[in-house]
Amino acid sequence: MEPSESTHPADTIVAMTIADYVNIDANGKANLVGAGIRVLSHESGTSASSPFAVWVTLSLADVPAHPVIVELVLTAPDGTSVRLDDASGRPSEVRITQSATFATMTPIDLPDGHLPPMHVLAANFPNGLHFPPGRLYRWQVEADGVIAGTYPFYVAGAE
């Protein structure tokens, strides 16, 4: 299914970054190391990028009663999905899908409406990915097939 080109309402909040490493604890808190990466390099002598992670938080003001399908998709700048070689050399779409039930994660009770429910997603790529170098890409987060946000980045050429 192709994502809708329309985006979620203005009260949808998306935060996204690339880091060296991400860990999400049981309370949904993120531990990010080296956050804010906009340029990935290649590992010396390989076709793989350096190791990296993607961190996303998604808040929806109006959460449906059913679980929301949240997807993180690697795309070209125009939004078309990108296929990269997997470990066996076959081209494969890079897409992470989760069924999300949104919840307000706080250690105290708050009146309804003060904090929008949030879903946290983290994807670590400890072996990097086999990106063709010298190109722009973007991570795109979708909620029930609707684009909620994007994060552009560049993959530098192998040295």
C-alpha atoms as a PDB file:
ATOM      1  CA  MET A   1       0.000   0.000   0.000  1.00  0.00           C
ATOM      2  CA  GLU A   2       1.387   3.407  -0.967  1.00  0.00           C
ATOM      3  CA  PRO A   3       1.338   6.012   1.823  1.00  0.00           C
ATOM      4  CA  SER A   4      -1.024   8.922   1.544  1.00  0.00           C
ATOM      5  CA  GLU A   5       0.677  12.143   0.455  1.00  0.00           C
ATOM      6  CA  SER A   6      -1.439  14.101   2.909  1.00  0.00           C
ATOM      7  CA  THR A   7       0.031  14.400   6.370  1.00  0.00           C
ATOM      8  CA  HIS A   8      -1.455  14.072   9.826  1.00  0.00           C
ATOM      9  CA  PRO A   9      -3.038  17.142  11.439  1.00  0.00           C
ATOM     10  CA  ALA A  10      -0.866  19.885  12.906  1.00  0.00           C
ATOM     11  CA  ASP A  11      -1.322  18.446  16.398  1.00  0.00           C
ATOM     12  CA  THR A  12       0.618  15.316  15.379  1.00  0.00           C
ATOM     13  CA  ILE A  13       4.101  15.569  16.855  1.00  0.00           C
ATOM     14  CA  VAL A  14       7.040  13.665  15.376  1.00  0.00           C
ATOM     15  CA  ALA A  15      10.618  13.775  16.628  1.00  0.00           C
ATOM     16  CA  MET A  16      13.236  11.806  14.734  1.00  0.00           C
ATOM     17  CA  THR A  17      17.018  11.602  14.574  1.00  0.00           C
ATOM     18  CA  ILE A  18      19.884   9.357  13.538  1.00  0.00           C
ATOM     19  CA  ALA A  19      22.390   8.428  16.253  1.00  0.00           C
ATOM     20  CA  ASP A  20      25.293   6.084  16.792  1.00  0.00           C
ATOM     21  CA  TYR A  21      23.184   3.961  19.161  1.00  0.00           C
ATOM     22  CA  VAL A  22      19.713   4.049  20.767  1.00  0.00           C
ATOM     23  CA  ASN A  23      18.272   2.128  23.694  1.00  0.00           C
ATOM     24  CA  ILE A  24      14.672   2.462  24.902  1.00  0.00           C
ATOM     25  CA  ASP A  25      14.023   1.514  28.523  1.00  0.00           C
ATOM     26  CA  ALA A  26      10.853  -0.073  29.936  1.00  0.00           C
ATOM     27  CA  ASN A  27       9.338   3.375  30.604  1.00  0.00           C
ATOM     28  CA  GLY A  28       9.848   4.519  27.004  1.00  0.00           C
ATOM     29  CA  LYS A  29      12.805   6.785  27.786  1.00  0.00           C
ATOM     30  CA  ALA A  30      15.508   6.889  25.137  1.00  0.00           C
ATOM     31  CA  ASN A  31      19.234   6.708  25.722  1.00  0.00           C
ATOM     32  CA  LEU A  32      20.843   8.151  22.591  1.00  0.00           C
ATOM     33  CA  VAL A  33      24.580   8.178  21.903  1.00  0.00           C
ATOM     34  CA  GLY A  34      25.877  10.491  19.174  1.00  0.00           C
ATOM     35  CA  ALA A  35      22.438  11.876  18.220  1.00  0.00           C
ATOM     36  CA  GLY A  36      21.896  14.340  15.368  1.00  0.00           C
ATOM     37  CA  ILE A  37      23.757  12.578  12.558  1.00  0.00           C
ATOM     38  CA  ARG A  38      22.945  14.033   9.121  1.00  0.00           C
ATOM     39  CA  VAL A  39      25.796  12.443   7.113  1.00  0.00           C
ATOM     40  CA  LEU A  40      26.605   8.727   7.254  1.00  0.00           C
ATOM     41  CA  SER A  41      30.014   7.491   6.150  1.00  0.00           C
ATOM     42  CA  HIS A  42      31.095   4.120   4.787  1.00  0.00           C
ATOM     43  CA  GLU A  43      33.188   1.662   6.748  1.00  0.00           C
ATOM     44  CA  SER A  44      36.699   1.506   5.309  1.00  0.00           C
ATOM     45  CA  GLY A  45      37.078  -1.265   2.707  1.00  0.00           C
ATOM     46  CA  THR A  46      33.392  -2.281   2.721  1.00  0.00           C
ATOM     47  CA  SER A  47      30.173  -1.341   0.964  1.00  0.00           C
ATOM     48  CA  ALA A  48      28.424  -0.900   4.318  1.00  0.00           C
ATOM     49  CA  SER A  49      27.763   2.385   6.054  1.00  0.00           C
ATOM     50  CA  SER A  50      29.019   3.043   9.539  1.00  0.00           C
ATOM     51  CA  PRO A  51      26.800   1.602  12.308  1.00  0.00           C
ATOM     52  CA  PHE A  52      23.828   3.823  13.187  1.00  0.00           C
ATOM     53  CA  ALA A  53      20.386   3.910  14.776  1.00  0.00           C
ATOM     54  CA  VAL A  54      17.111   5.730  14.097  1.00  0.00           C
ATOM     55  CA  TRP A  55      14.970   7.075  16.953  1.00  0.00           C
ATOM     56  CA  VAL A  56      11.351   8.216  16.503  1.00  0.00           C
ATOM     57  CA  THR A  57       8.627   9.465  18.814  1.00  0.00           C
ATOM     58  CA  LEU A  58       5.142   9.887  17.427  1.00  0.00           C
ATOM     59  CA  SER A  59       2.287  11.598  19.296  1.00  0.00           C
ATOM     60  CA  LEU A  60      -1.243  11.685  17.942  1.00  0.00           C
ATOM     61  CA  ALA A  61      -3.835  14.010  19.470  1.00  0.00           C
ATOM     62  CA  ASP A  62      -6.713  11.847  18.231  1.00  0.00           C
ATOM     63  CA  VAL A  63      -5.812   8.218  18.797  1.00  0.00           C
ATOM     64  CA  PRO A  64      -8.138   5.648  17.257  1.00  0.00           C
ATOM     65  CA  ALA A  65      -9.542   2.825  19.386  1.00  0.00           C
ATOM     66  CA  HIS A  66      -7.672   0.255  17.261  1.00  0.00           C
ATOM     67  CA  PRO A  67      -3.892  -0.255  17.302  1.00  0.00           C
ATOM     68  CA  VAL A  68      -2.106   2.067  14.867  1.00  0.00           C
ATOM     69  CA  ILE A  69       0.276   0.593  12.292  1.00  0.00           C
ATOM     70  CA  VAL A  70       3.490   2.623  12.593  1.00  0.00           C
ATOM     71  CA  GLU A  71       6.103   2.162   9.868  1.00  0.00           C
ATOM     72  CA  LEU A  72       9.622   3.484   9.461  1.00  0.00           C
ATOM     73  CA  VAL A  73      10.587   3.388   5.783  1.00  0.00           C
ATOM     74  CA  LEU A  74      13.837   4.262   4.011  1.00  0.00           C
ATOM     75  CA  THR A  75      12.965   6.431   1.013  1.00  0.00           C
ATOM     76  CA  ALA A  76      14.475   8.573  -1.701  1.00  0.00           C
ATOM     77  CA  PRO A  77      13.946  12.344  -1.363  1.00  0.00           C
ATOM     78  CA  ASP A  78      10.746  12.051  -3.454  1.00  0.00           C
ATOM     79  CA  GLY A  79       9.241   9.528  -1.006  1.00  0.00           C
ATOM     80  CA  THR A  80       9.633   6.371  -3.091  1.00  0.00           C
ATOM     81  CA  SER A  81      10.889   3.414  -1.083  1.00  0.00           C
ATOM     82  CA  VAL A  82      14.530   2.434  -1.523  1.00  0.00           C
ATOM     83  CA  ARG A  83      15.710  -1.143  -2.006  1.00  0.00           C
ATOM     84  CA  LEU A  84      19.140  -2.023  -0.620  1.00  0.00           C
ATOM     85  CA  ASP A  85      21.053  -5.280  -0.863  1.00  0.00           C
ATOM     86  CA  ASP A  86      20.476  -7.513   2.153  1.00  0.00           C
ATOM     87  CA  ALA A  87      23.106  -9.846   3.637  1.00  0.00           C
ATOM     88  CA  SER A  88      22.608 -12.328   0.795  1.00  0.00           C
ATOM     89  CA  GLY A  89      22.934  -9.642  -1.897  1.00  0.00           C
ATOM     90  CA  ARG A  90      19.219  -9.509  -2.786  1.00  0.00           C
ATOM     91  CA  PRO A  91      17.581  -6.070  -3.042  1.00  0.00           C
ATOM     92  CA  SER A  92      15.111  -5.565  -0.225  1.00  0.00           C
ATOM     93  CA  GLU A  93      12.940  -2.694   0.966  1.00  0.00           C
ATOM     94  CA  VAL A  94      13.984  -1.271   4.345  1.00  0.00           C
ATOM     95  CA  ARG A  95      10.716  -1.068   6.295  1.00  0.00           C
ATOM     96  CA  ILE A  96      10.087  -1.592  10.007  1.00  0.00           C
ATOM     97  CA  THR A  97       6.453  -2.112  10.990  1.00  0.00           C
ATOM     98  CA  GLN A  98       4.948  -2.052  14.471  1.00  0.00           C
ATOM     99  CA  SER A  99       1.409  -2.268  15.762  1.00  0.00           C
ATOM    100  CA  ALA A 100       1.233   0.556  18.312  1.00  0.00           C
ATOM    101  CA  THR A 101      -1.137   1.227  21.147  1.00  0.00           C
ATOM    102  CA  PHE A 102      -0.516   4.805  22.178  1.00  0.00           C
ATOM    103  CA  ALA A 103      -0.215   5.591  25.876  1.00  0.00           C
ATOM    104  CA  THR A 104       0.679   8.556  28.036  1.00  0.00           C
ATOM    105  CA  MET A 105       3.825   7.428  29.831  1.00  0.00           C
ATOM    106  CA  THR A 106       4.174   9.348  33.062  1.00  0.00           C
ATOM    107  CA  PRO A 107       4.908   8.179  36.592  1.00  0.00           C
ATOM    108  CA  ILE A 108       2.045  10.336  37.915  1.00  0.00           C
ATOM    109  CA  ASP A 109      -1.614  10.754  37.021  1.00  0.00           C
ATOM    110  CA  LEU A 110      -2.277  13.766  34.820  1.00  0.00           C
ATOM    111  CA  PRO A 111      -5.627  15.179  33.754  1.00  0.00           C
ATOM    112  CA  ASP A 112      -6.674  14.038  30.278  1.00  0.00           C
ATOM    113  CA  GLY A 113      -5.418  16.210  27.456  1.00  0.00           C
ATOM    114  CA  HIS A 114      -2.248  17.509  29.109  1.00  0.00           C
ATOM    115  CA  LEU A 115       0.188  15.185  27.336  1.00  0.00           C
ATOM    116  CA  PRO A 116      -0.702  13.493  24.062  1.00  0.00           C
ATOM    117  CA  PRO A 117      -0.223   9.717  23.967  1.00  0.00           C
ATOM    118  CA  MET A 118       3.148   8.743  22.469  1.00  0.00           C
ATOM    119  CA  HIS A 119       4.773   5.791  20.703  1.00  0.00           C
ATOM    120  CA  VAL A 120       8.561   5.344  20.686  1.00  0.00           C
ATOM    121  CA  LEU A 121      10.406   3.411  17.992  1.00  0.00           C
ATOM    122  CA  ALA A 122      14.128   2.680  17.808  1.00  0.00           C
ATOM    123  CA  ALA A 123      15.979   0.738  15.124  1.00  0.00           C
ATOM    124  CA  ASN A 124      19.674  -0.069  15.506  1.00  0.00           C
ATOM    125  CA  PHE A 125      21.767  -1.072  12.479  1.00  0.00           C
ATOM    126  CA  PRO A 126      24.991  -2.294  14.167  1.00  0.00           C
ATOM    127  CA  ASN A 127      26.403  -3.498  10.824  1.00  0.00           C
ATOM    128  CA  GLY A 128      25.260  -0.414   8.894  1.00  0.00           C
ATOM    129  CA  LEU A 129      23.369  -0.735   5.607  1.00  0.00           C
ATOM    130  CA  HIS A 130      24.684  -1.157   2.068  1.00  0.00           C
ATOM    131  CA  PHE A 131      23.776   2.307   0.755  1.00  0.00           C
ATOM    132  CA  PRO A 132      24.992   3.400  -2.667  1.00  0.00           C
ATOM    133  CA  PRO A 133      27.206   6.365  -1.668  1.00  0.00           C
ATOM    134  CA  GLY A 134      26.857   9.988  -2.702  1.00  0.00           C
ATOM    135  CA  ARG A 135      23.071  10.152  -2.397  1.00  0.00           C
ATOM    136  CA  LEU A 136      20.370  11.785  -0.333  1.00  0.00           C
ATOM    137  CA  TYR A 137      17.891   9.584   1.519  1.00  0.00           C
ATOM    138  CA  ARG A 138      15.232  10.070   4.135  1.00  0.00           C
ATOM    139  CA  TRP A 139      13.605   8.092   6.881  1.00  0.00           C
ATOM    140  CA  GLN A 140       9.840   8.399   6.671  1.00  0.00           C
ATOM    141  CA  VAL A 141       7.476   7.555   9.527  1.00  0.00           C
ATOM    142  CA  GLU A 142       3.908   6.608   8.659  1.00  0.00           C
ATOM    143  CA  ALA A 143       0.879   6.060  10.897  1.00  0.00           C
ATOM    144  CA  ASP A 144      -1.865   3.925   9.358  1.00  0.00           C
ATOM    145  CA  GLY A 145      -0.457   4.630   5.890  1.00  0.00           C
ATOM    146  CA  VAL A 146      -0.297   8.415   6.299  1.00  0.00           C
ATOM    147  CA  ILE A 147       3.084  10.175   6.306  1.00  0.00           C
ATOM    148  CA  ALA A 148       3.624  11.733   9.733  1.00  0.00           C
ATOM    149  CA  GLY A 149       7.209  12.985   9.336  1.00  0.00           C
ATOM    150  CA  THR A 150      10.543  12.633   7.558  1.00  0.00           C
ATOM    151  CA  TYR A 151      14.248  12.942   8.399  1.00  0.00           C
ATOM    152  CA  PRO A 152      16.616  13.624   5.476  1.00  0.00           C
ATOM    153  CA  PHE A 153      20.267  12.523   5.485  1.00  0.00           C
ATOM    154  CA  TYR A 154      23.196  12.023   3.107  1.00  0.00           C
ATOM    155  CA  VAL A 155      25.443   9.004   2.593  1.00  0.00           C
ATOM    156  CA  ALA A 156      29.005  10.059   1.793  1.00  0.00           C
ATOM    157  CA  GLY A 157      31.168   8.174  -0.686  1.00  0.00           C
ATOM    158  CA  ALA A 158      33.503   5.394   0.379  1.00  0.00           C
ATOM    159  CA  GLU A 159      37.052   6.583   1.013  1.00  0.00           C
END
